[in-house]
Amino acid sequence: MSDADKSKARKWFERAKAVADTRNYEYAIEAYIGGLKLWPDAVEEGHKPLRVVATARKMAGKKGLGFLESRKHGTSGKDALQNMLNAEFLWAYDPGNVSHMEAFIINAARAGANAAAAWMAPICVEALLQEKKVPVARYQALWNALDAAGEAASHQSQYAVALEAFNNMTRIATLWQQQHKSAEAAKAVGDAQSKLTIVKGRFDSDKGFTESIRDKASQDDLRDKDRLVQAEDRLSDLIDKARAEYEADRQSVAKLNAYVDLLTRRESEPEENLAIDVLEQAYVETKNYSIRVRADDIRIKQLNRAARHIVARAKADPENAAIREEARQHRRKQLDFEIQVFEERIRQYPTDLRVRFALAERYFKDRRLDDAIPLFQQAQNDGRHRAACRLYLGRCFFDKSLFAEACNILRKAIEAHEGGGDDTGKQLYYWLGRALEADDHLEEAGAAYGQLIQWDYNYLDARARLEQLRKKAG
C-alpha cells in the first residue's frame, strides 16, 4: 500500500469521524468504506472505528438495509476486495449478522487483507458461540480463510497478525470438533494448534515489530483493545482506562461499549457481572433498550457457558444422577430466562423477524407448539431463517400429529433449499421421511430415507427405518 493511498484513506477516515460525531451514521459508514477501499488493512484507522459507528447506529434503534438494497452489495463476485467491502458495508448495517462476518473474513483472506481478516475473526467466533449448530462447510471455509491469512502474515513476518489468525482458527476448529465429532475436525484442531505454537515462538522472538511501525504510547491502547492474546496486567490497565473514559462521558455509547467489551474479554464471571451492572445502570439513565439487550446477551452467554461445563461433567461421569438432575434444572432455568428475554424484545421490536425466530425456537424447545407456529410462519419472511423456519414448522405439525400438513411444508422446504446434503438438508429429508411414514406413505418415506443415507449413512436412525420399511414391503 503506497503512502499516497494511505494519505487519501486517512482523509476519508477523518471525514467519517466528523460526520459520525453528528450522528450521520450512514454517511460515516460510506466514508469509512471509501477509505478502506484504498487501505484495506487499516484496522486501527478504519475497521475499528467503523465498528463503533455500526454499534452506535444499532443502539440508536436504526434499522438494517432492506432486501433490495442488500442485493446491491454482493459478496460472491470475482473481485475479492470489493466482496470484502460489500460484506463490511452490510455488516455495518447489521453488526450482529454472522453471515456478513464470515463473508468478510473469507474475502479479506482472498484479497490479502490479512490484518483485517484476523481482526474480524474473534468477533465472528463470539457470534458463532451463540449459534445452536453450525454446518461443517461454514467451519471449513472460515478455517481455510484464517489459515491462508495466518500463513501469509507469517511469511511477511507480521507475527501479531498471524498469532491472531491462528488463535481464532484454533477456536473455530475446537467448535467444529465439539459440534461435529469427526477425524476431519480433530485434524483441523491439531493443525491449528501446531501453527499457533510455531507462530507464538516467532512472535516471542520478535515482539518489537509492531512497535517499530506505530506510535507507541497511544497506539498500544488501540491495538490491544481488540487483541485476545495479551498479558493479564495489560488488559486490567485497559479496563481501568476505559472505565475512566466512560465515567467522564456517560452519554457516550461508544465509550460504554468499549468498556463492556474489555470487561467481557476474559470470560470472568465477576467482570461480566460488573459489565451487566454498568449496562443496567446506563439503561436506567438513558432508557435506550438496546443497552438492556446487551446486558441480557451477556447473561445468556453465561448460562450457555455453565451449560457446557455441566454437560462436560455429565459426560465424564455418566452414572451420576445428581449431575443429570443439575443439568435438567439448569436447562429449565435457562429456557425460562431466554423466553422472558425474547418476549420482552418482541414488545420492543415488534417488526424484527430475527427476534420472532429466536422466541419461536425457545417456544419449540418448551413444547409450546401453538405459540411457536405463528412466530415461525412470520419469521420465514426473513430469507436468512426461511429454511430453518420451514423445518421447525414441519416438526411442529409432526409433533401435533398433523402429518399431511407436515409433509406439505417439508416438501416445499426441500424444493426451495439450495444446500443439498448440508445439515439443514439432512434434517429436512429426515423429518419428511418421518412424516410420510406416519401418514402411511411408506414408499415415499423410503425414498426420503434412501436419499438421506446416500449423504450420511449413519444419520440418526434413518438406515434402520429404511430397513424396517423394506421388510414390511417385502
Protein backbone atom coordinates (compact mmCIF):
# COMPACT_ATOMS: atom_id res chain seq x y z
CA MET A 1 0.00 0.00 0.00
CA SER A 2 1.53 3.30 -1.08
CA ASP A 3 1.90 6.29 1.22
CA ALA A 4 -0.26 8.27 -1.20
CA ASP A 5 -3.11 5.78 -0.89
CA LYS A 6 -2.81 5.80 2.89
CA SER A 7 -2.91 9.59 2.90
CA LYS A 8 -6.08 9.58 0.78
CA ALA A 9 -7.59 6.92 3.01
CA ARG A 10 -6.91 8.97 6.15
CA LYS A 11 -8.86 11.87 4.64
CA TRP A 12 -11.83 9.56 4.19
CA PHE A 13 -11.46 8.36 7.80
CA GLU A 14 -11.28 11.93 9.11
CA ARG A 15 -14.42 12.79 7.18
CA ALA A 16 -16.12 9.67 8.54
CA LYS A 17 -15.26 10.56 12.13
CA ALA A 18 -16.53 14.10 11.69
CA VAL A 19 -19.92 13.04 10.34
CA ALA A 20 -20.21 10.21 12.89
CA ASP A 21 -19.89 12.82 15.64
CA THR A 22 -23.04 14.44 14.19
CA ARG A 23 -24.78 11.00 14.27
CA ASN A 24 -24.95 10.84 10.50
CA TYR A 25 -24.08 7.15 10.74
CA GLU A 26 -24.98 6.18 7.18
CA TYR A 27 -22.64 8.72 5.62
CA ALA A 28 -19.93 7.78 8.13
CA ILE A 29 -20.20 4.14 7.04
CA GLU A 30 -19.85 5.12 3.37
CA ALA A 31 -16.83 7.28 4.18
CA TYR A 32 -15.08 4.54 6.14
CA ILE A 33 -15.70 2.07 3.30
CA GLY A 34 -14.29 4.66 0.87
CA GLY A 35 -11.09 4.85 2.87
CA LEU A 36 -10.81 1.09 3.32
CA LYS A 37 -11.02 0.62 -0.42
CA LEU A 38 -7.71 2.47 -0.60
CA TRP A 39 -6.24 0.88 2.54
CA PRO A 40 -7.95 -2.47 3.23
CA ASP A 41 -5.75 -3.40 6.21
CA ALA A 42 -6.32 -0.15 8.10
CA VAL A 43 -7.53 -1.90 11.23
CA GLU A 44 -6.94 0.87 13.77
CA GLU A 45 -7.83 3.75 11.47
CA GLY A 46 -10.75 2.24 9.57
CA HIS A 47 -12.22 -1.09 10.64
CA LYS A 48 -12.34 -0.50 14.38
CA PRO A 49 -13.92 2.96 14.29
CA LEU A 50 -16.38 1.68 11.68
CA ARG A 51 -17.43 -0.99 14.17
CA VAL A 52 -18.02 1.73 16.76
CA VAL A 53 -20.24 3.60 14.28
CA ALA A 54 -22.12 0.40 13.42
CA THR A 55 -22.76 -0.33 17.10
CA ALA A 56 -23.82 3.25 17.84
CA ARG A 57 -26.19 3.17 14.87
CA LYS A 58 -27.78 -0.07 16.07
CA MET A 59 -28.11 1.21 19.62
CA ALA A 60 -29.83 4.32 18.25
CA GLY A 61 -32.56 2.00 17.01
CA LYS A 62 -31.74 2.30 13.30
CA LYS A 63 -32.94 -0.49 11.01
CA GLY A 64 -30.83 -2.64 8.70
CA LEU A 65 -30.84 -2.46 4.93
CA GLY A 66 -33.88 -3.63 3.03
CA PHE A 67 -33.78 -6.70 0.83
CA LEU A 68 -33.40 -4.87 -2.47
CA GLU A 69 -30.69 -2.56 -1.14
CA SER A 70 -28.77 -5.52 0.29
CA ARG A 71 -28.81 -7.21 -3.11
CA LYS A 72 -26.70 -4.34 -4.49
CA HIS A 73 -23.80 -5.39 -2.26
CA GLY A 74 -22.93 -8.91 -3.34
CA THR A 75 -20.15 -10.84 -1.63
CA SER A 76 -19.54 -13.65 -4.10
CA GLY A 77 -18.20 -11.83 -7.17
CA LYS A 78 -14.77 -12.15 -8.76
CA ASP A 79 -13.28 -9.09 -7.02
CA ALA A 80 -12.35 -10.31 -3.52
CA LEU A 81 -11.60 -6.83 -2.20
CA GLN A 82 -14.95 -5.45 -3.36
CA ASN A 83 -16.64 -8.52 -1.87
CA MET A 84 -14.92 -7.81 1.45
CA LEU A 85 -16.00 -4.16 1.42
CA ASN A 86 -19.55 -5.13 0.48
CA ALA A 87 -19.65 -7.62 3.35
CA GLU A 88 -18.39 -4.97 5.76
CA PHE A 89 -20.97 -2.47 4.47
CA LEU A 90 -23.77 -4.99 5.05
CA TRP A 91 -22.34 -5.88 8.47
CA ALA A 92 -22.17 -2.21 9.47
CA TYR A 93 -25.93 -2.01 8.99
CA ASP A 94 -26.45 -5.31 10.83
CA PRO A 95 -23.45 -5.82 13.18
CA GLY A 96 -24.84 -8.99 14.71
CA ASN A 97 -25.11 -10.82 11.38
CA VAL A 98 -22.62 -13.69 11.41
CA SER A 99 -23.01 -14.45 7.68
CA HIS A 100 -21.66 -10.97 6.87
CA MET A 101 -18.74 -11.56 9.26
CA GLU A 102 -17.94 -14.86 7.56
CA ALA A 103 -18.11 -13.31 4.08
CA PHE A 104 -15.80 -10.52 5.28
CA ILE A 105 -13.16 -12.92 6.63
CA ILE A 106 -13.22 -15.23 3.61
CA ASN A 107 -12.92 -12.39 1.11
CA ALA A 108 -10.36 -10.47 3.20
CA ALA A 109 -8.10 -13.52 3.14
CA ARG A 110 -8.60 -13.88 -0.64
CA ALA A 111 -7.79 -10.18 -1.10
CA GLY A 112 -4.63 -10.41 1.02
CA ALA A 113 -6.08 -8.14 3.72
CA ASN A 114 -4.70 -10.44 6.40
CA ALA A 115 -4.82 -8.00 9.30
CA ALA A 116 -8.48 -7.25 8.51
CA ALA A 117 -9.35 -10.96 8.42
CA ALA A 118 -7.56 -11.54 11.75
CA TRP A 119 -9.32 -8.55 13.34
CA MET A 120 -12.81 -9.77 12.41
CA ALA A 121 -12.06 -13.36 13.47
CA PRO A 122 -12.68 -13.05 17.26
CA ILE A 123 -15.85 -11.03 16.62
CA CYS A 124 -17.08 -13.84 14.37
CA VAL A 125 -16.14 -16.55 16.87
CA GLU A 126 -18.16 -14.84 19.60
CA ALA A 127 -21.16 -14.76 17.24
CA LEU A 128 -20.70 -18.44 16.35
CA LEU A 129 -20.79 -19.33 20.05
CA GLN A 130 -24.39 -18.11 20.12
CA GLU A 131 -25.49 -20.40 17.28
CA LYS A 132 -27.03 -23.77 18.02
CA LYS A 133 -25.13 -25.83 15.45
CA VAL A 134 -23.03 -24.53 12.57
CA PRO A 135 -22.73 -26.62 9.37
CA VAL A 136 -19.33 -28.18 8.70
CA ALA A 137 -18.95 -26.28 5.43
CA ARG A 138 -19.04 -22.94 7.25
CA TYR A 139 -16.41 -24.03 9.77
CA GLN A 140 -14.24 -25.38 6.96
CA ALA A 141 -14.49 -22.15 4.94
CA LEU A 142 -13.54 -20.00 7.94
CA TRP A 143 -10.71 -22.35 8.91
CA ASN A 144 -9.30 -22.22 5.38
CA ALA A 145 -9.54 -18.43 5.22
CA LEU A 146 -7.77 -17.88 8.55
CA ASP A 147 -5.17 -20.47 7.63
CA ALA A 148 -4.42 -18.54 4.43
CA ALA A 149 -4.35 -15.20 6.26
CA GLY A 150 -2.13 -16.55 9.04
CA GLU A 151 0.33 -18.19 6.65
CA ALA A 152 0.58 -15.05 4.50
CA ALA A 153 1.09 -12.84 7.55
CA SER A 154 3.72 -15.20 8.96
CA HIS A 155 5.66 -15.18 5.68
CA GLN A 156 5.63 -11.38 5.82
CA SER A 157 6.93 -11.50 9.43
CA GLN A 158 3.64 -10.00 10.65
CA TYR A 159 3.59 -12.35 13.62
CA ALA A 160 0.99 -10.48 15.68
CA VAL A 161 -1.47 -10.79 12.80
CA ALA A 162 -0.59 -14.45 12.27
CA LEU A 163 -0.98 -15.10 16.00
CA GLU A 164 -4.49 -13.64 15.99
CA ALA A 165 -5.44 -15.58 12.86
CA PHE A 166 -4.17 -18.93 14.13
CA ASN A 167 -5.56 -18.39 17.63
CA ASN A 168 -9.06 -17.94 16.23
CA MET A 169 -8.55 -20.70 13.70
CA THR A 170 -7.93 -22.95 16.72
CA ARG A 171 -11.11 -21.71 18.41
CA ILE A 172 -13.12 -22.37 15.24
CA ALA A 173 -11.65 -25.86 14.89
CA THR A 174 -12.50 -26.60 18.53
CA LEU A 175 -16.12 -25.55 17.99
CA TRP A 176 -16.18 -27.66 14.83
CA GLN A 177 -14.97 -30.71 16.77
CA GLN A 178 -17.44 -30.11 19.62
CA GLN A 179 -20.41 -29.96 17.24
CA HIS A 180 -19.34 -32.45 14.54
CA LYS A 181 -17.08 -35.09 16.05
CA SER A 182 -15.02 -36.46 13.16
CA ALA A 183 -11.46 -37.26 12.15
CA GLU A 184 -11.53 -34.22 9.88
CA ALA A 185 -12.45 -31.90 12.77
CA ALA A 186 -9.81 -33.46 15.04
CA LYS A 187 -7.17 -32.93 12.37
CA ALA A 188 -8.27 -29.30 11.98
CA VAL A 189 -7.76 -28.76 15.72
CA GLY A 190 -4.32 -30.39 15.67
CA ASP A 191 -3.13 -28.48 12.61
CA ALA A 192 -4.36 -25.18 14.00
CA GLN A 193 -2.69 -25.75 17.37
CA SER A 194 0.60 -26.67 15.68
CA LYS A 195 0.60 -23.50 13.60
CA LEU A 196 -0.34 -21.41 16.63
CA THR A 197 2.57 -22.88 18.63
CA ILE A 198 5.05 -22.17 15.84
CA VAL A 199 3.99 -18.56 15.33
CA LYS A 200 3.94 -17.93 19.10
CA GLY A 201 7.63 -18.82 19.16
CA ARG A 202 8.34 -16.45 16.32
CA PHE A 203 6.24 -13.72 17.90
CA ASP A 204 8.05 -14.01 21.21
CA SER A 205 11.38 -13.59 19.44
CA ASP A 206 10.19 -10.54 17.52
CA LYS A 207 7.88 -8.69 19.90
CA GLY A 208 9.23 -5.35 18.88
CA PHE A 209 7.99 -5.47 15.32
CA THR A 210 4.59 -3.90 15.97
CA GLU A 211 6.07 -1.04 17.98
CA SER A 212 8.57 -0.35 15.24
CA ILE A 213 5.80 0.76 12.91
CA ARG A 214 3.46 2.52 15.34
CA ASP A 215 3.46 5.48 17.63
CA LYS A 216 3.76 3.51 20.88
CA ALA A 217 2.01 5.25 23.75
CA SER A 218 -1.41 5.89 22.24
CA GLN A 219 -1.39 3.24 19.55
CA ASP A 220 -0.69 0.39 22.00
CA ASP A 221 -4.03 1.05 23.69
CA LEU A 222 -5.85 0.99 20.34
CA ARG A 223 -4.06 -2.16 19.25
CA ASP A 224 -4.55 -4.12 22.45
CA LYS A 225 -8.24 -3.36 22.90
CA ASP A 226 -9.19 -5.89 20.23
CA ARG A 227 -6.47 -8.47 20.82
CA LEU A 228 -7.34 -11.69 22.59
CA VAL A 229 -3.74 -12.65 23.34
CA GLN A 230 -2.31 -10.21 25.84
CA ALA A 231 -0.93 -10.07 29.36
CA GLU A 232 -3.41 -10.01 32.23
CA ASP A 233 -1.98 -6.82 33.71
CA ARG A 234 -2.18 -5.12 30.29
CA LEU A 235 -5.87 -5.97 29.99
CA SER A 236 -6.51 -4.72 33.53
CA ASP A 237 -4.81 -1.44 32.62
CA LEU A 238 -7.01 -1.09 29.53
CA ILE A 239 -10.13 -1.77 31.62
CA ASP A 240 -9.14 0.95 34.09
CA LYS A 241 -8.59 3.45 31.26
CA ALA A 242 -11.86 2.53 29.56
CA ARG A 243 -13.76 2.92 32.83
CA ALA A 244 -12.27 6.37 33.39
CA GLU A 245 -13.14 7.42 29.83
CA TYR A 246 -16.72 6.23 30.21
CA GLU A 247 -17.20 7.83 33.64
CA ALA A 248 -16.01 11.13 32.15
CA ASP A 249 -18.62 10.91 29.38
CA ARG A 250 -21.53 8.72 30.45
CA GLN A 251 -23.65 9.75 27.46
CA SER A 252 -21.19 8.13 25.03
CA VAL A 253 -22.50 4.78 23.82
CA ALA A 254 -19.17 4.13 22.09
CA LYS A 255 -17.25 4.52 25.37
CA LEU A 256 -19.77 2.35 27.19
CA ASN A 257 -19.34 -0.38 24.58
CA ALA A 258 -15.55 -0.14 24.70
CA TYR A 259 -15.63 -0.55 28.49
CA VAL A 260 -18.01 -3.50 28.34
CA ASP A 261 -16.01 -5.16 25.52
CA LEU A 262 -12.95 -5.22 27.76
CA LEU A 263 -14.85 -6.35 30.87
CA THR A 264 -16.19 -9.37 28.99
CA ARG A 265 -12.91 -10.27 27.28
CA ARG A 266 -11.62 -12.70 29.90
CA GLU A 267 -14.93 -14.54 30.37
CA SER A 268 -14.53 -13.87 34.07
CA GLU A 269 -17.93 -14.03 35.76
CA PRO A 270 -17.21 -11.22 38.28
CA GLU A 271 -16.10 -8.92 35.44
CA GLU A 272 -19.08 -9.95 33.31
CA ASN A 273 -21.40 -9.24 36.25
CA LEU A 274 -19.81 -5.81 36.60
CA ALA A 275 -20.43 -5.25 32.87
CA ILE A 276 -24.08 -6.21 33.38
CA ASP A 277 -24.38 -3.78 36.30
CA VAL A 278 -22.82 -0.98 34.24
CA LEU A 279 -25.18 -1.67 31.33
CA GLU A 280 -28.25 -1.83 33.55
CA GLN A 281 -27.35 1.50 35.17
CA ALA A 282 -26.82 3.03 31.72
CA TYR A 283 -30.22 1.69 30.66
CA VAL A 284 -31.86 3.34 33.67
CA GLU A 285 -30.17 6.61 32.77
CA THR A 286 -30.79 6.59 29.02
CA LYS A 287 -33.88 4.38 28.51
CA ASN A 288 -32.06 3.04 25.45
CA TYR A 289 -33.40 -0.51 25.24
CA SER A 290 -30.51 -1.78 23.11
CA ILE A 291 -28.31 -1.37 26.21
CA ARG A 292 -30.60 -3.77 28.10
CA VAL A 293 -30.29 -6.16 25.14
CA ARG A 294 -26.54 -6.29 25.56
CA ALA A 295 -26.83 -6.95 29.30
CA ASP A 296 -29.19 -9.85 28.65
CA ASP A 297 -26.91 -11.20 25.91
CA ILE A 298 -24.10 -11.43 28.47
CA ARG A 299 -26.42 -13.27 30.86
CA ILE A 300 -27.36 -15.73 28.10
CA LYS A 301 -23.69 -16.24 27.30
CA GLN A 302 -23.02 -17.05 30.97
CA LEU A 303 -25.86 -19.58 31.00
CA ASN A 304 -24.53 -21.21 27.81
CA ARG A 305 -21.06 -21.48 29.31
CA ALA A 306 -22.42 -23.01 32.51
CA ALA A 307 -24.43 -25.49 30.44
CA ARG A 308 -21.31 -26.58 28.55
CA HIS A 309 -19.48 -27.19 31.84
CA ILE A 310 -22.34 -29.26 33.24
CA VAL A 311 -22.53 -31.32 30.04
CA ALA A 312 -18.79 -31.97 30.19
CA ARG A 313 -19.10 -33.16 33.80
CA ALA A 314 -22.04 -35.40 32.89
CA LYS A 315 -20.06 -36.99 30.05
CA ALA A 316 -17.15 -37.62 32.39
CA ASP A 317 -19.43 -39.23 35.00
CA PRO A 318 -22.49 -40.58 33.10
CA GLU A 319 -23.81 -42.60 36.06
CA ASN A 320 -24.02 -39.59 38.38
CA ALA A 321 -27.74 -38.89 38.89
CA ALA A 322 -27.05 -35.65 40.78
CA ILE A 323 -25.25 -34.14 37.79
CA ARG A 324 -28.07 -35.22 35.46
CA GLU A 325 -30.57 -33.50 37.72
CA GLU A 326 -28.38 -30.41 37.88
CA ALA A 327 -28.31 -30.36 34.06
CA ARG A 328 -32.10 -30.70 33.89
CA GLN A 329 -32.66 -27.85 36.34
CA HIS A 330 -30.15 -25.66 34.51
CA ARG A 331 -31.87 -26.26 31.16
CA ARG A 332 -35.19 -25.29 32.72
CA LYS A 333 -33.73 -22.15 34.28
CA GLN A 334 -32.01 -21.13 31.05
CA LEU A 335 -35.07 -21.72 28.87
CA ASP A 336 -37.35 -19.77 31.23
CA PHE A 337 -34.93 -16.85 31.25
CA GLU A 338 -34.48 -16.80 27.47
CA ILE A 339 -38.23 -16.93 26.87
CA GLN A 340 -38.68 -14.00 29.23
CA VAL A 341 -35.92 -12.05 27.43
CA PHE A 342 -37.23 -12.60 23.92
CA GLU A 343 -40.86 -11.96 24.88
CA GLU A 344 -39.71 -8.59 26.15
CA ARG A 345 -37.71 -7.98 22.95
CA ILE A 346 -40.73 -8.68 20.77
CA ARG A 347 -42.62 -6.00 22.67
CA GLN A 348 -39.77 -3.57 22.00
CA TYR A 349 -39.04 -4.66 18.40
CA PRO A 350 -42.38 -5.93 17.05
CA THR A 351 -41.22 -5.90 13.41
CA ASP A 352 -37.85 -7.64 13.94
CA LEU A 353 -38.24 -11.09 12.39
CA ARG A 354 -35.00 -12.34 13.93
CA VAL A 355 -36.43 -11.77 17.39
CA ARG A 356 -39.59 -13.65 16.39
CA PHE A 357 -37.47 -16.56 15.17
CA ALA A 358 -35.41 -16.60 18.38
CA LEU A 359 -38.53 -16.67 20.56
CA ALA A 360 -40.17 -19.32 18.36
CA GLU A 361 -37.11 -21.56 18.84
CA ARG A 362 -37.46 -21.23 22.61
CA TYR A 363 -41.20 -21.98 22.48
CA PHE A 364 -40.42 -25.07 20.39
CA LYS A 365 -37.90 -26.28 22.98
CA ASP A 366 -40.54 -25.69 25.67
CA ARG A 367 -43.09 -27.70 23.60
CA ARG A 368 -45.33 -24.64 23.31
CA LEU A 369 -46.10 -25.53 19.72
CA ASP A 370 -49.24 -23.42 19.32
CA ASP A 371 -47.22 -20.37 20.38
CA ALA A 372 -44.25 -21.28 18.18
CA ILE A 373 -46.10 -21.96 14.90
CA PRO A 374 -47.38 -18.42 14.17
CA LEU A 375 -43.97 -16.95 15.01
CA PHE A 376 -42.18 -19.35 12.65
CA GLN A 377 -44.75 -18.54 9.96
CA GLN A 378 -43.98 -14.84 10.32
CA ALA A 379 -40.22 -15.24 10.68
CA GLN A 380 -39.89 -17.24 7.43
CA ASN A 381 -40.31 -13.95 5.56
CA ASP A 382 -36.70 -13.25 6.56
CA GLY A 383 -34.64 -15.13 3.97
CA ARG A 384 -31.84 -15.80 6.47
CA HIS A 385 -34.12 -18.06 8.52
CA ARG A 386 -36.54 -19.32 5.87
CA ALA A 387 -35.21 -22.88 5.63
CA ALA A 388 -34.90 -23.23 9.41
CA CYS A 389 -38.43 -21.87 9.94
CA ARG A 390 -39.90 -24.35 7.47
CA LEU A 391 -38.00 -27.19 9.11
CA TYR A 392 -39.34 -26.17 12.52
CA LEU A 393 -42.86 -25.76 11.12
CA GLY A 394 -42.70 -29.27 9.69
CA ARG A 395 -41.59 -30.60 13.06
CA CYS A 396 -44.29 -28.65 14.91
CA PHE A 397 -47.03 -30.07 12.70
CA PHE A 398 -45.47 -33.55 13.02
CA ASP A 399 -45.44 -33.30 16.80
CA LYS A 400 -49.11 -32.26 16.70
CA SER A 401 -49.83 -35.39 14.57
CA LEU A 402 -50.82 -33.22 11.59
CA PHE A 403 -48.75 -35.42 9.30
CA ALA A 404 -50.20 -34.41 5.91
CA GLU A 405 -49.59 -30.73 6.69
CA ALA A 406 -46.06 -31.53 7.88
CA CYS A 407 -45.38 -33.37 4.59
CA ASN A 408 -46.55 -30.40 2.50
CA ILE A 409 -44.41 -27.93 4.43
CA LEU A 410 -41.28 -30.10 4.30
CA ARG A 411 -41.66 -30.88 0.58
CA LYS A 412 -41.83 -27.15 -0.21
CA ALA A 413 -38.85 -26.50 2.04
CA ILE A 414 -36.79 -29.15 0.24
CA GLU A 415 -37.74 -27.72 -3.18
CA ALA A 416 -36.54 -24.28 -2.09
CA HIS A 417 -33.43 -25.43 -0.21
CA GLU A 418 -30.17 -24.94 -2.11
CA GLY A 419 -27.81 -26.54 0.37
CA GLY A 420 -28.26 -30.13 -0.80
CA GLY A 421 -26.94 -32.53 1.83
CA ASP A 422 -25.87 -29.92 4.36
CA ASP A 423 -27.12 -30.20 7.94
CA THR A 424 -30.40 -28.43 7.18
CA GLY A 425 -30.96 -30.57 4.09
CA LYS A 426 -30.42 -33.76 6.07
CA GLN A 427 -32.89 -32.67 8.73
CA LEU A 428 -35.49 -31.75 6.12
CA TYR A 429 -35.27 -35.18 4.48
CA TYR A 430 -35.27 -36.99 7.82
CA TRP A 431 -38.41 -35.29 9.10
CA LEU A 432 -40.10 -35.60 5.72
CA GLY A 433 -39.41 -39.34 5.92
CA ARG A 434 -40.84 -39.46 9.45
CA ALA A 435 -43.95 -37.52 8.42
CA LEU A 436 -44.52 -39.65 5.32
CA GLU A 437 -44.06 -42.81 7.35
CA ALA A 438 -46.52 -41.63 9.99
CA ASP A 439 -49.01 -40.68 7.24
CA ASP A 440 -48.68 -44.19 5.76
CA HIS A 441 -46.86 -43.10 2.58
CA LEU A 442 -44.27 -45.79 3.07
CA GLU A 443 -42.74 -45.86 -0.42
CA GLU A 444 -42.14 -42.10 -0.40
CA ALA A 445 -40.78 -42.33 3.13
CA GLY A 446 -38.31 -44.98 1.98
CA ALA A 447 -37.18 -42.71 -0.87
CA ALA A 448 -36.56 -39.87 1.61
CA TYR A 449 -34.53 -42.11 3.92
CA GLY A 450 -32.69 -43.54 0.92
CA GLN A 451 -31.57 -40.10 -0.21
CA LEU A 452 -30.53 -39.27 3.33
CA ILE A 453 -28.29 -42.31 3.83
CA GLN A 454 -26.62 -41.60 0.48
CA TRP A 455 -25.42 -38.36 2.08
CA ASP A 456 -24.79 -39.71 5.57
CA TYR A 457 -25.03 -43.48 6.03
CA ASN A 458 -25.30 -43.28 9.82
CA TYR A 459 -27.62 -40.30 10.12
CA LEU A 460 -29.74 -40.80 13.25
CA ASP A 461 -31.94 -43.91 12.77
CA ALA A 462 -32.66 -43.33 9.05
CA ARG A 463 -30.97 -46.56 7.92
CA ALA A 464 -32.81 -48.67 10.49
CA ARG A 465 -36.13 -47.09 9.49
CA LEU A 466 -35.43 -47.73 5.80
CA GLU A 467 -34.60 -51.38 6.51
CA GLN A 468 -37.82 -51.78 8.51
CA LEU A 469 -39.88 -50.25 5.70
CA ARG A 470 -38.37 -52.63 3.16
CA LYS A 471 -39.06 -55.60 5.40
CA LYS A 472 -42.73 -54.56 5.59
CA ALA A 473 -42.86 -54.10 1.80
CA GLY A 474 -41.17 -57.46 1.16
